Amino acid sequence: MTVVPERDAWKALAALVIGFFMILVDQTIVAVATEAFVTQLGATTNQVIWVTSAYLLAYVVPLLFTGRLGDQIGPRTVAIAGLVVFTGASLWCGLAPDVETLIVARVFQGIGAALLTPQSLSVITRVFASDRRGAAMGAWGAVAGIASVVGPVLGGVLIDTFDWRWIFFVNIPFGIVAVVLVWLWVPTLQTRRHSYDIPGILLSAVGMFLLVYGVQQGESHGWGATTGAFIALGLLALVVFLWWQSRVRTEPLVPLRLFRDRNFSIGNFGVSTIGFVTAGTMVPLMFYLQGVKGMSPTTAGLMLLPMAVIAGILAPIVGRLADRLDPRIFTGIGYFSYSISLIWLALVMDSFTSIPMLLGPIALMGVGNGCVWAPTSSTAMRRLELESAGAGSGVYNTTRQVGAVLGSAAIGALMQARLVAHGDVGQAVADAMFLPAVVVLLGGLATMAFRTDEQSVSSAR
C-alpha cells in the first residue's frame, strides 16, 4: 500500500475530482442545447441524439481496459492523458462548424473521460488509510451527486448568456488547471507489469458497444428486430467474454475473483441502480419543468438547487461517518429516501402543481443522493487487493455507466409508451418516474446484505 500523509492524499483527490466533475457534467449539459443544435447547426433529431450517444459509447466501452491501464503505467500518467484528450476535445467541440464534426469531437471527449474516470477510485484505494477511505469516498460521491444536477443549470445559464459553444469552452480552463494539479499533487504510485488479455479486451469492447448501441438505437428508433439483434449479439459477446475470463491463464481483464467479495458484488449492483436513477430522472424532470410548467432552461435547472445543496452538504459527512458506523444505516436512508422522493414526485407532477409542492421531493432526492455514494463505493472497494485496484475501479465505473445508459433509454421508452396510452405529457412523465423508484428501491434492499467488518471478523473465526 502506498498510503501518503493525509493532507497529500486529499490534495491528490482534489486534483482528480476536478476532471471527474467535468466529465459527469458533460453527460447532462448538452441536454439543454438541443434546440441550438437544430437551429444553428441544422442538426436532425437523430444527429442531436448522437451528440449524446457518441460521448456515452466512447466513454463506457473502454472503461474495463483503462482501469487496468492505470495499474500498468500508473494512474497519474493515465489521468493526465485523459485530461489532455478531454480538454482538447472540448475545444474541438466548441469550434465545430457542423454537427458531424461535433459528434466526432464528442467521441474523443468520451475517450478522455474513459481514461480519467477509473483513476480517481484507484488512487483513493491506494493512498488513503482504510479508516479514511469513507471520507474520501464521501468527497468523490459529493462530486458525482452535484455534477449530475449542475449540468442542466450551468448549460442553461451559459446558453442564455452566451451561446451553445460555451458549454464546451467552459471545460478548457478547468481542464488546464486539473492537468497542472494532477502533475503536482498526485504521487507516482507503484506499478506492476501486466500481460494484456487481448481477446478479453476485444470481446468486452464489442459486447459493450453492441449492447449500449442497441439500447440507444431502441430509444431513438424503436424496439424492432434490428435493435433486438444488436442487444442480443452484445449480450452473447459479453457471455463469451465472461467464459473467456474464467479460462484465461495469464491475467484476465476482469479478475472474476473480485466478485467473490460479497460487498464488491453488491456494491456494483447498488451503483448500477444509482446510475440508472441519476440518468433516468433528469430527462422526465427537465421535460416536465420545461414542457409542462413552461420554465426556461435556466429556471428549470435552478429548481434542482435544493437537491444539489443538500447532497453537497450530506455526502462528506456521510463519508466520514461511514468509516465508523455500519454503512447499511446510510444506504438504507439514502436508497429508500430516493425511492420515496420519486414516488412523491410522480404523485404531484401535473400542470396545476405549485412550485413549493415540487421542492419537497426534490430536496428529498438530495438526501438520497448525499447518502448513497460514499457508503456504497467505500464498502464495495474496501477489501480489494491493491494490485486489483485499477481493475476493480474499471469494473465499478463500467457498471455505474451502463446503469446510466440503461436508465436513460428505459425512461425514454416508457415515456413514449405512456404518452401514446394517455395522450397527456404530464401524465406520461409522472408515470415514468415510478420505474426509477422501483429500481433504486431494489438497490437499497441489496445493500442491506452488505457484510460489515464485524461480520467479516466473526465469519473468519
Protein backbone atom coordinates (compact mmCIF):
# COMPACT_ATOMS: atom_id res chain seq x y z
CA MET A 1 0.00 0.00 0.00
CA THR A 2 1.28 3.49 -0.88
CA VAL A 3 -0.51 5.40 1.86
CA VAL A 4 0.72 9.01 1.89
CA PRO A 5 0.28 11.73 4.53
CA GLU A 6 -3.40 12.58 4.82
CA ARG A 7 -3.03 16.16 3.59
CA ASP A 8 -1.20 14.96 0.47
CA ALA A 9 -3.83 12.29 -0.11
CA TRP A 10 -6.60 14.90 -0.05
CA LYS A 11 -4.66 17.11 -2.46
CA ALA A 12 -4.32 14.18 -4.87
CA LEU A 13 -8.05 13.50 -4.68
CA ALA A 14 -8.90 17.19 -5.17
CA ALA A 15 -6.81 17.29 -8.34
CA LEU A 16 -8.53 14.22 -9.77
CA VAL A 17 -12.11 15.16 -8.94
CA ILE A 18 -11.89 18.42 -10.89
CA GLY A 19 -11.66 16.38 -14.07
CA PHE A 20 -14.20 13.82 -12.82
CA PHE A 21 -16.64 16.66 -12.19
CA MET A 22 -16.24 17.98 -15.76
CA ILE A 23 -16.80 14.52 -17.19
CA LEU A 24 -20.07 13.97 -15.32
CA VAL A 25 -21.33 17.47 -16.11
CA ASP A 26 -20.75 16.80 -19.81
CA GLN A 27 -23.15 13.85 -19.70
CA THR A 28 -26.09 16.17 -18.99
CA ILE A 29 -25.06 19.66 -20.06
CA VAL A 30 -25.82 19.11 -23.76
CA ALA A 31 -29.46 18.28 -22.98
CA VAL A 32 -30.33 21.98 -22.75
CA ALA A 33 -28.60 22.77 -26.08
CA THR A 34 -30.83 20.55 -28.23
CA GLU A 35 -32.73 23.42 -29.81
CA ALA A 36 -29.48 25.29 -30.55
CA PHE A 37 -28.04 22.28 -32.38
CA VAL A 38 -31.14 22.15 -34.57
CA THR A 39 -31.42 25.87 -35.33
CA GLN A 40 -27.74 26.81 -35.58
CA LEU A 41 -26.15 23.63 -36.93
CA GLY A 42 -29.13 22.30 -38.88
CA ALA A 43 -28.99 19.00 -36.99
CA THR A 44 -31.66 16.36 -37.45
CA THR A 45 -33.30 14.69 -34.45
CA ASN A 46 -31.12 11.61 -34.95
CA GLN A 47 -27.96 13.71 -35.09
CA VAL A 48 -28.93 15.52 -31.89
CA ILE A 49 -29.33 12.16 -30.16
CA TRP A 50 -25.90 11.12 -31.40
CA VAL A 51 -24.27 14.18 -29.84
CA THR A 52 -25.00 12.49 -26.51
CA SER A 53 -24.83 8.86 -27.66
CA ALA A 54 -21.36 9.20 -29.21
CA TYR A 55 -19.99 10.52 -25.93
CA LEU A 56 -21.61 7.78 -23.84
CA LEU A 57 -20.46 4.99 -26.16
CA ALA A 58 -16.86 6.20 -26.29
CA TYR A 59 -16.95 6.61 -22.51
CA VAL A 60 -18.34 3.25 -21.46
CA VAL A 61 -16.74 0.85 -23.97
CA PRO A 62 -13.04 1.23 -22.93
CA LEU A 63 -13.57 1.54 -19.14
CA LEU A 64 -12.55 -2.02 -18.28
CA PHE A 65 -9.28 -1.62 -20.17
CA THR A 66 -8.46 1.89 -18.92
CA GLY A 67 -8.84 0.78 -15.31
CA ARG A 68 -6.23 -1.91 -15.86
CA LEU A 69 -4.05 0.53 -17.81
CA GLY A 70 -3.73 2.65 -14.65
CA ASP A 71 -2.26 -0.37 -12.83
CA GLN A 72 0.21 -0.89 -15.68
CA ILE A 73 1.65 2.58 -16.25
CA GLY A 74 0.32 4.46 -13.22
CA PRO A 75 -2.96 6.27 -12.51
CA ARG A 76 -1.19 9.66 -12.58
CA THR A 77 0.02 9.18 -16.15
CA VAL A 78 -3.30 7.84 -17.42
CA ALA A 79 -5.24 10.62 -15.67
CA ILE A 80 -3.10 13.32 -17.28
CA ALA A 81 -3.54 11.69 -20.69
CA GLY A 82 -7.30 11.57 -20.17
CA LEU A 83 -7.45 15.22 -19.13
CA VAL A 84 -5.41 16.34 -22.14
CA VAL A 85 -7.62 14.39 -24.55
CA PHE A 86 -10.83 15.57 -22.89
CA THR A 87 -9.78 19.23 -22.75
CA GLY A 88 -8.55 19.24 -26.34
CA ALA A 89 -11.77 17.57 -27.50
CA SER A 90 -13.80 20.20 -25.61
CA LEU A 91 -12.08 22.93 -27.63
CA TRP A 92 -12.79 20.94 -30.79
CA CYS A 93 -16.48 20.63 -29.81
CA GLY A 94 -16.76 24.38 -29.23
CA LEU A 95 -15.20 25.18 -32.61
CA ALA A 96 -17.19 22.56 -34.55
CA PRO A 97 -18.55 24.09 -37.79
CA ASP A 98 -21.21 21.41 -38.25
CA VAL A 99 -22.96 18.68 -36.29
CA GLU A 100 -20.95 15.88 -37.90
CA THR A 101 -17.71 17.40 -36.58
CA LEU A 102 -19.33 17.88 -33.18
CA ILE A 103 -20.25 14.19 -32.99
CA VAL A 104 -16.68 13.11 -33.84
CA ALA A 105 -15.27 15.51 -31.25
CA ARG A 106 -17.68 14.10 -28.66
CA VAL A 107 -16.22 10.64 -29.32
CA PHE A 108 -12.79 11.93 -28.31
CA GLN A 109 -14.30 13.59 -25.24
CA GLY A 110 -15.66 10.18 -24.27
CA ILE A 111 -12.26 8.53 -24.74
CA GLY A 112 -10.66 11.14 -22.48
CA ALA A 113 -13.37 10.54 -19.89
CA ALA A 114 -12.78 6.78 -20.02
CA LEU A 115 -9.06 7.27 -19.39
CA LEU A 116 -9.57 9.55 -16.39
CA THR A 117 -12.59 8.15 -14.54
CA PRO A 118 -11.22 4.86 -13.08
CA GLN A 119 -8.09 6.54 -11.78
CA SER A 120 -9.90 8.50 -9.05
CA LEU A 121 -11.20 5.43 -7.22
CA SER A 122 -7.91 3.61 -7.77
CA VAL A 123 -5.96 6.46 -6.17
CA ILE A 124 -8.39 6.63 -3.23
CA THR A 125 -7.90 2.92 -2.60
CA ARG A 126 -4.12 3.20 -2.73
CA VAL A 127 -3.24 6.48 -0.95
CA PHE A 128 -5.81 6.70 1.86
CA ALA A 129 -5.59 4.61 5.00
CA SER A 130 -8.50 2.19 5.30
CA ASP A 131 -10.14 4.17 8.10
CA ARG A 132 -10.14 7.36 5.96
CA ARG A 133 -11.40 5.95 2.67
CA GLY A 134 -15.02 6.52 3.61
CA ALA A 135 -14.42 10.24 3.97
CA ALA A 136 -12.57 10.30 0.65
CA MET A 137 -15.41 8.39 -1.00
CA GLY A 138 -17.77 10.94 0.52
CA ALA A 139 -15.97 13.74 -1.31
CA TRP A 140 -15.98 11.66 -4.50
CA GLY A 141 -19.68 10.97 -4.03
CA ALA A 142 -20.45 14.62 -3.40
CA VAL A 143 -18.81 15.49 -6.70
CA ALA A 144 -20.74 12.75 -8.51
CA GLY A 145 -24.05 13.77 -6.97
CA ILE A 146 -23.66 17.50 -7.53
CA ALA A 147 -22.31 17.13 -11.07
CA SER A 148 -25.42 15.24 -12.14
CA VAL A 149 -27.60 18.29 -11.41
CA VAL A 150 -25.13 21.07 -12.23
CA GLY A 151 -25.13 20.17 -15.93
CA PRO A 152 -28.63 21.47 -16.76
CA VAL A 153 -28.19 24.55 -14.53
CA LEU A 154 -24.81 25.51 -15.96
CA GLY A 155 -25.87 24.69 -19.50
CA GLY A 156 -28.96 26.87 -19.29
CA VAL A 157 -27.02 29.85 -17.89
CA LEU A 158 -24.23 29.59 -20.47
CA ILE A 159 -26.60 29.25 -23.42
CA ASP A 160 -28.85 32.09 -22.25
CA THR A 161 -25.83 34.34 -21.56
CA PHE A 162 -23.54 33.41 -24.47
CA ASP A 163 -24.34 30.55 -26.88
CA TRP A 164 -24.14 26.74 -27.05
CA ARG A 165 -20.39 26.69 -27.79
CA TRP A 166 -19.65 27.85 -24.24
CA ILE A 167 -20.95 24.62 -22.73
CA PHE A 168 -17.74 23.14 -24.15
CA PHE A 169 -15.38 26.11 -23.85
CA VAL A 170 -16.05 26.23 -20.10
CA ASN A 171 -14.14 22.94 -19.75
CA ILE A 172 -10.89 24.36 -21.07
CA PRO A 173 -9.66 26.43 -18.07
CA PHE A 174 -10.75 23.73 -15.63
CA GLY A 175 -9.02 21.07 -17.72
CA ILE A 176 -5.74 23.02 -17.78
CA VAL A 177 -5.87 23.59 -14.03
CA ALA A 178 -6.63 19.89 -13.47
CA VAL A 179 -3.64 18.78 -15.59
CA VAL A 180 -1.30 21.02 -13.60
CA LEU A 181 -2.69 19.90 -10.24
CA VAL A 182 -2.59 16.20 -11.12
CA TRP A 183 1.03 16.65 -12.21
CA LEU A 184 1.91 18.40 -8.94
CA TRP A 185 -0.27 16.62 -6.37
CA VAL A 186 -0.93 13.04 -7.47
CA PRO A 187 2.00 10.84 -6.40
CA THR A 188 3.74 8.44 -8.75
CA LEU A 189 2.39 5.16 -7.44
CA GLN A 190 3.96 1.75 -7.77
CA THR A 191 3.04 -0.06 -10.98
CA ARG A 192 3.17 -3.69 -11.96
CA ARG A 193 3.63 -5.29 -15.33
CA HIS A 194 0.57 -6.84 -16.93
CA SER A 195 0.21 -9.24 -19.81
CA TYR A 196 -2.71 -7.74 -21.68
CA ASP A 197 -5.68 -10.00 -22.32
CA ILE A 198 -6.19 -9.05 -25.98
CA PRO A 199 -9.12 -11.43 -26.66
CA GLY A 200 -10.78 -10.17 -23.46
CA ILE A 201 -10.28 -6.55 -24.48
CA LEU A 202 -11.82 -7.19 -27.91
CA LEU A 203 -14.74 -9.25 -26.59
CA SER A 204 -15.61 -6.73 -23.88
CA ALA A 205 -15.36 -3.80 -26.31
CA VAL A 206 -17.54 -5.48 -28.94
CA GLY A 207 -20.08 -6.66 -26.36
CA MET A 208 -20.35 -3.29 -24.62
CA PHE A 209 -20.57 -1.42 -27.93
CA LEU A 210 -23.34 -3.62 -29.35
CA LEU A 211 -25.33 -3.61 -26.10
CA VAL A 212 -25.13 0.14 -25.50
CA TYR A 213 -25.62 0.97 -29.18
CA GLY A 214 -28.65 -1.31 -29.36
CA VAL A 215 -30.23 0.22 -26.26
CA GLN A 216 -29.66 3.76 -27.54
CA GLN A 217 -30.98 2.89 -31.01
CA GLY A 218 -34.05 1.36 -29.39
CA GLU A 219 -34.71 4.59 -27.54
CA SER A 220 -34.43 6.73 -30.68
CA HIS A 221 -35.61 4.40 -33.49
CA GLY A 222 -37.95 1.94 -31.81
CA TRP A 223 -37.53 -1.58 -30.47
CA GLY A 224 -37.64 -3.55 -33.70
CA ALA A 225 -35.80 -6.64 -34.93
CA THR A 226 -32.59 -4.79 -35.75
CA THR A 227 -32.39 -3.27 -32.28
CA GLY A 228 -33.09 -6.66 -30.73
CA ALA A 229 -30.32 -8.22 -32.81
CA PHE A 230 -27.76 -5.63 -31.62
CA ILE A 231 -28.72 -6.20 -27.99
CA ALA A 232 -28.73 -10.00 -28.33
CA LEU A 233 -25.32 -10.04 -30.04
CA GLY A 234 -23.95 -7.69 -27.40
CA LEU A 235 -25.17 -9.92 -24.59
CA LEU A 236 -23.79 -13.00 -26.37
CA ALA A 237 -20.37 -11.34 -26.73
CA LEU A 238 -20.39 -10.45 -23.04
CA VAL A 239 -21.31 -14.04 -22.07
CA VAL A 240 -18.39 -15.29 -24.19
CA PHE A 241 -16.20 -12.63 -22.55
CA LEU A 242 -17.10 -13.92 -19.07
CA TRP A 243 -16.43 -17.50 -20.17
CA TRP A 244 -13.04 -16.44 -21.52
CA GLN A 245 -12.23 -14.60 -18.28
CA SER A 246 -12.77 -17.86 -16.37
CA ARG A 247 -10.43 -19.71 -18.76
CA VAL A 248 -7.58 -17.29 -19.45
CA ARG A 249 -4.39 -18.48 -17.77
CA THR A 250 -2.42 -15.22 -17.74
CA GLU A 251 -4.11 -12.08 -16.42
CA PRO A 252 -7.80 -11.67 -17.17
CA LEU A 253 -9.11 -8.19 -17.95
CA VAL A 254 -11.72 -8.68 -15.21
CA PRO A 255 -10.44 -10.98 -12.47
CA LEU A 256 -13.63 -12.87 -11.60
CA ARG A 257 -12.26 -13.43 -8.11
CA LEU A 258 -13.24 -9.81 -7.44
CA PHE A 259 -16.86 -10.97 -7.31
CA ARG A 260 -16.08 -13.50 -4.59
CA ASP A 261 -16.08 -10.44 -2.35
CA ARG A 262 -19.74 -10.17 -1.45
CA ASN A 263 -19.50 -6.44 -0.81
CA PHE A 264 -17.94 -5.77 -4.21
CA SER A 265 -20.72 -7.66 -5.97
CA ILE A 266 -23.47 -5.92 -4.00
CA GLY A 267 -21.79 -2.54 -4.41
CA ASN A 268 -21.68 -2.97 -8.18
CA PHE A 269 -25.39 -3.72 -8.28
CA GLY A 270 -26.11 -0.78 -5.99
CA VAL A 271 -24.11 1.71 -8.03
CA SER A 272 -25.76 0.49 -11.24
CA THR A 273 -29.13 1.46 -9.75
CA ILE A 274 -27.72 4.87 -8.75
CA GLY A 275 -26.51 5.37 -12.32
CA PHE A 276 -29.89 4.24 -13.65
CA VAL A 277 -31.80 6.68 -11.44
CA THR A 278 -29.44 9.65 -11.81
CA ALA A 279 -29.56 9.49 -15.61
CA GLY A 280 -33.16 8.34 -15.81
CA THR A 281 -34.77 11.01 -13.65
CA MET A 282 -33.16 14.08 -15.22
CA VAL A 283 -34.88 13.60 -18.60
CA PRO A 284 -38.51 13.38 -17.39
CA LEU A 285 -37.95 16.04 -14.72
CA MET A 286 -36.48 18.57 -17.19
CA PHE A 287 -39.17 17.62 -19.71
CA TYR A 288 -41.87 18.29 -17.13
CA LEU A 289 -40.43 21.56 -15.84
CA GLN A 290 -39.88 23.00 -19.32
CA GLY A 291 -42.62 21.32 -21.35
CA VAL A 292 -45.46 21.25 -18.81
CA LYS A 293 -44.60 24.09 -16.42
CA GLY A 294 -43.20 26.30 -19.17
CA MET A 295 -39.91 27.15 -17.44
CA SER A 296 -36.80 28.35 -19.26
CA PRO A 297 -33.74 26.06 -19.22
CA THR A 298 -32.09 28.22 -16.56
CA THR A 299 -35.16 28.32 -14.32
CA ALA A 300 -35.73 24.59 -14.68
CA GLY A 301 -32.11 23.93 -13.77
CA LEU A 302 -32.33 26.16 -10.72
CA MET A 303 -35.21 24.02 -9.45
CA LEU A 304 -32.60 21.34 -8.76
CA LEU A 305 -30.54 23.54 -6.45
CA PRO A 306 -32.12 22.14 -3.23
CA MET A 307 -31.04 18.68 -4.33
CA ALA A 308 -27.51 19.83 -5.17
CA VAL A 309 -27.03 21.81 -1.94
CA ILE A 310 -28.34 19.07 0.35
CA ALA A 311 -26.32 16.37 -1.43
CA GLY A 312 -23.19 18.52 -1.26
CA ILE A 313 -23.58 19.04 2.49
CA LEU A 314 -24.50 15.46 3.36
CA ALA A 315 -22.06 13.46 1.23
CA PRO A 316 -18.82 14.42 3.03
CA ILE A 317 -20.48 14.00 6.44
CA VAL A 318 -21.85 10.60 5.50
CA GLY A 319 -18.44 9.62 4.13
CA ARG A 320 -16.74 10.33 7.45
CA LEU A 321 -19.42 8.57 9.48
CA ALA A 322 -19.46 5.54 7.16
CA ASP A 323 -15.90 4.78 8.36
CA ARG A 324 -17.15 4.44 11.92
CA LEU A 325 -20.72 3.18 11.68
CA ASP A 326 -22.50 0.40 9.84
CA PRO A 327 -22.72 1.58 6.19
CA ARG A 328 -26.16 -0.03 5.90
CA ILE A 329 -27.55 2.78 8.07
CA PHE A 330 -26.71 5.28 5.36
CA THR A 331 -27.51 3.13 2.33
CA GLY A 332 -30.89 2.39 3.89
CA ILE A 333 -31.62 6.08 4.40
CA GLY A 334 -30.22 7.04 1.00
CA TYR A 335 -31.76 4.49 -1.33
CA PHE A 336 -35.14 4.49 0.36
CA SER A 337 -35.26 8.32 0.51
CA TYR A 338 -34.51 8.35 -3.21
CA SER A 339 -37.34 5.91 -3.89
CA ILE A 340 -39.84 7.82 -1.74
CA SER A 341 -38.90 11.14 -3.37
CA LEU A 342 -39.53 9.73 -6.87
CA ILE A 343 -42.90 8.26 -5.89
CA TRP A 344 -43.77 11.60 -4.27
CA LEU A 345 -42.86 13.43 -7.48
CA ALA A 346 -44.89 11.02 -9.59
CA LEU A 347 -47.96 11.70 -7.45
CA VAL A 348 -47.76 15.52 -7.65
CA MET A 349 -46.43 16.13 -11.18
CA ASP A 350 -49.25 17.77 -13.12
CA SER A 351 -49.83 21.14 -14.75
CA PHE A 352 -51.55 22.57 -11.64
CA THR A 353 -48.88 21.72 -9.05
CA SER A 354 -47.31 24.75 -7.38
CA ILE A 355 -43.55 25.26 -7.25
CA PRO A 356 -43.33 24.78 -3.43
CA MET A 357 -45.03 21.38 -3.83
CA LEU A 358 -42.20 20.29 -6.13
CA LEU A 359 -39.38 21.50 -3.90
CA GLY A 360 -40.15 18.96 -1.15
CA PRO A 361 -39.50 15.79 -3.18
CA ILE A 362 -36.58 17.46 -4.99
CA ALA A 363 -34.98 18.23 -1.61
CA LEU A 364 -35.56 14.63 -0.50
CA MET A 365 -33.75 13.48 -3.65
CA GLY A 366 -30.78 15.45 -2.29
CA VAL A 367 -30.93 13.40 0.93
CA GLY A 368 -30.87 10.23 -1.15
CA ASN A 369 -28.05 11.44 -3.36
CA GLY A 370 -25.99 12.57 -0.40
CA CYS A 371 -26.28 9.25 1.43
CA VAL A 372 -25.78 6.61 -1.27
CA TRP A 373 -22.47 7.31 -3.00
CA ALA A 374 -19.90 7.16 -0.20
CA PRO A 375 -21.04 4.07 1.74
CA THR A 376 -21.77 2.13 -1.45
CA SER A 377 -18.41 2.93 -3.04
CA SER A 378 -16.22 2.60 0.06
CA THR A 379 -17.84 -0.69 1.12
CA ALA A 380 -17.55 -2.13 -2.39
CA MET A 381 -13.87 -1.20 -2.82
CA ARG A 382 -12.59 -1.52 0.75
CA ARG A 383 -11.31 -5.11 0.69
CA LEU A 384 -9.93 -5.31 -2.85
CA GLU A 385 -6.29 -6.32 -3.16
CA LEU A 386 -4.16 -3.29 -4.04
CA GLU A 387 -2.89 -4.85 -7.25
CA SER A 388 -6.51 -5.16 -8.36
CA ALA A 389 -7.47 -1.57 -7.52
CA GLY A 390 -7.39 -0.43 -11.15
CA ALA A 391 -9.31 -3.42 -12.45
CA GLY A 392 -11.88 -3.10 -9.66
CA SER A 393 -12.29 0.61 -10.31
CA GLY A 394 -12.76 -0.06 -14.02
CA VAL A 395 -15.46 -2.66 -13.33
CA TYR A 396 -17.20 -0.43 -10.78
CA ASN A 397 -17.29 2.60 -13.07
CA THR A 398 -18.36 0.50 -16.04
CA THR A 399 -21.27 -0.86 -14.02
CA ARG A 400 -22.29 2.66 -12.99
CA GLN A 401 -22.10 3.95 -16.54
CA VAL A 402 -24.01 1.02 -18.05
CA GLY A 403 -26.71 1.63 -15.45
CA ALA A 404 -26.87 5.26 -16.59
CA VAL A 405 -27.22 4.29 -20.26
CA LEU A 406 -29.93 1.73 -19.48
CA GLY A 407 -31.75 4.22 -17.23
CA SER A 408 -31.81 6.92 -19.88
CA ALA A 409 -33.06 4.51 -22.54
CA ALA A 410 -35.63 2.79 -20.34
CA ILE A 411 -37.14 6.07 -19.13
CA GLY A 412 -37.29 7.41 -22.68
CA ALA A 413 -39.06 4.32 -23.93
CA LEU A 414 -41.51 4.29 -21.02
CA MET A 415 -42.35 7.97 -21.50
CA GLN A 416 -43.12 7.36 -25.17
CA ALA A 417 -45.31 4.36 -24.35
CA ARG A 418 -47.28 6.24 -21.67
CA LEU A 419 -47.66 9.25 -23.96
CA VAL A 420 -49.29 7.01 -26.57
CA ALA A 421 -51.53 5.48 -23.90
CA HIS A 422 -52.60 8.74 -22.22
CA GLY A 423 -52.03 11.45 -24.81
CA ASP A 424 -51.04 13.71 -21.91
CA VAL A 425 -47.41 14.79 -21.46
CA GLY A 426 -47.70 15.43 -17.71
CA GLN A 427 -49.28 12.04 -17.07
CA ALA A 428 -46.65 10.25 -19.18
CA VAL A 429 -43.81 11.93 -17.32
CA ALA A 430 -45.36 11.19 -13.92
CA ASP A 431 -45.88 7.51 -14.79
CA ALA A 432 -42.28 7.22 -15.96
CA MET A 433 -40.96 8.26 -12.54
CA PHE A 434 -42.25 5.06 -10.94
CA LEU A 435 -39.66 2.94 -12.80
CA PRO A 436 -36.54 4.53 -11.26
CA ALA A 437 -38.33 4.50 -7.89
CA VAL A 438 -38.58 0.69 -8.09
CA VAL A 439 -35.03 0.28 -9.40
CA VAL A 440 -33.40 2.33 -6.63
CA LEU A 441 -35.53 0.51 -4.04
CA LEU A 442 -34.04 -2.78 -5.28
CA GLY A 443 -30.57 -1.27 -4.94
CA GLY A 444 -31.32 -0.32 -1.35
CA LEU A 445 -32.62 -3.76 -0.49
CA ALA A 446 -29.46 -5.31 -1.95
CA THR A 447 -27.17 -3.15 0.20
CA MET A 448 -28.89 -4.45 3.31
CA ALA A 449 -26.85 -7.61 2.65
CA PHE A 450 -23.51 -5.77 2.92
CA ARG A 451 -21.12 -7.63 5.20
CA THR A 452 -19.75 -5.29 7.87
CA ASP A 453 -16.22 -5.50 9.28
CA GLU A 454 -17.58 -7.09 12.46
CA GLN A 455 -19.40 -9.76 10.44
CA SER A 456 -16.24 -10.47 8.44
CA VAL A 457 -14.23 -10.99 11.61
CA SER A 458 -16.90 -13.25 13.08
CA SER A 459 -17.11 -15.38 9.93
CA ALA A 460 -13.31 -15.64 9.79
CA ARG A 461 -13.31 -17.06 13.30
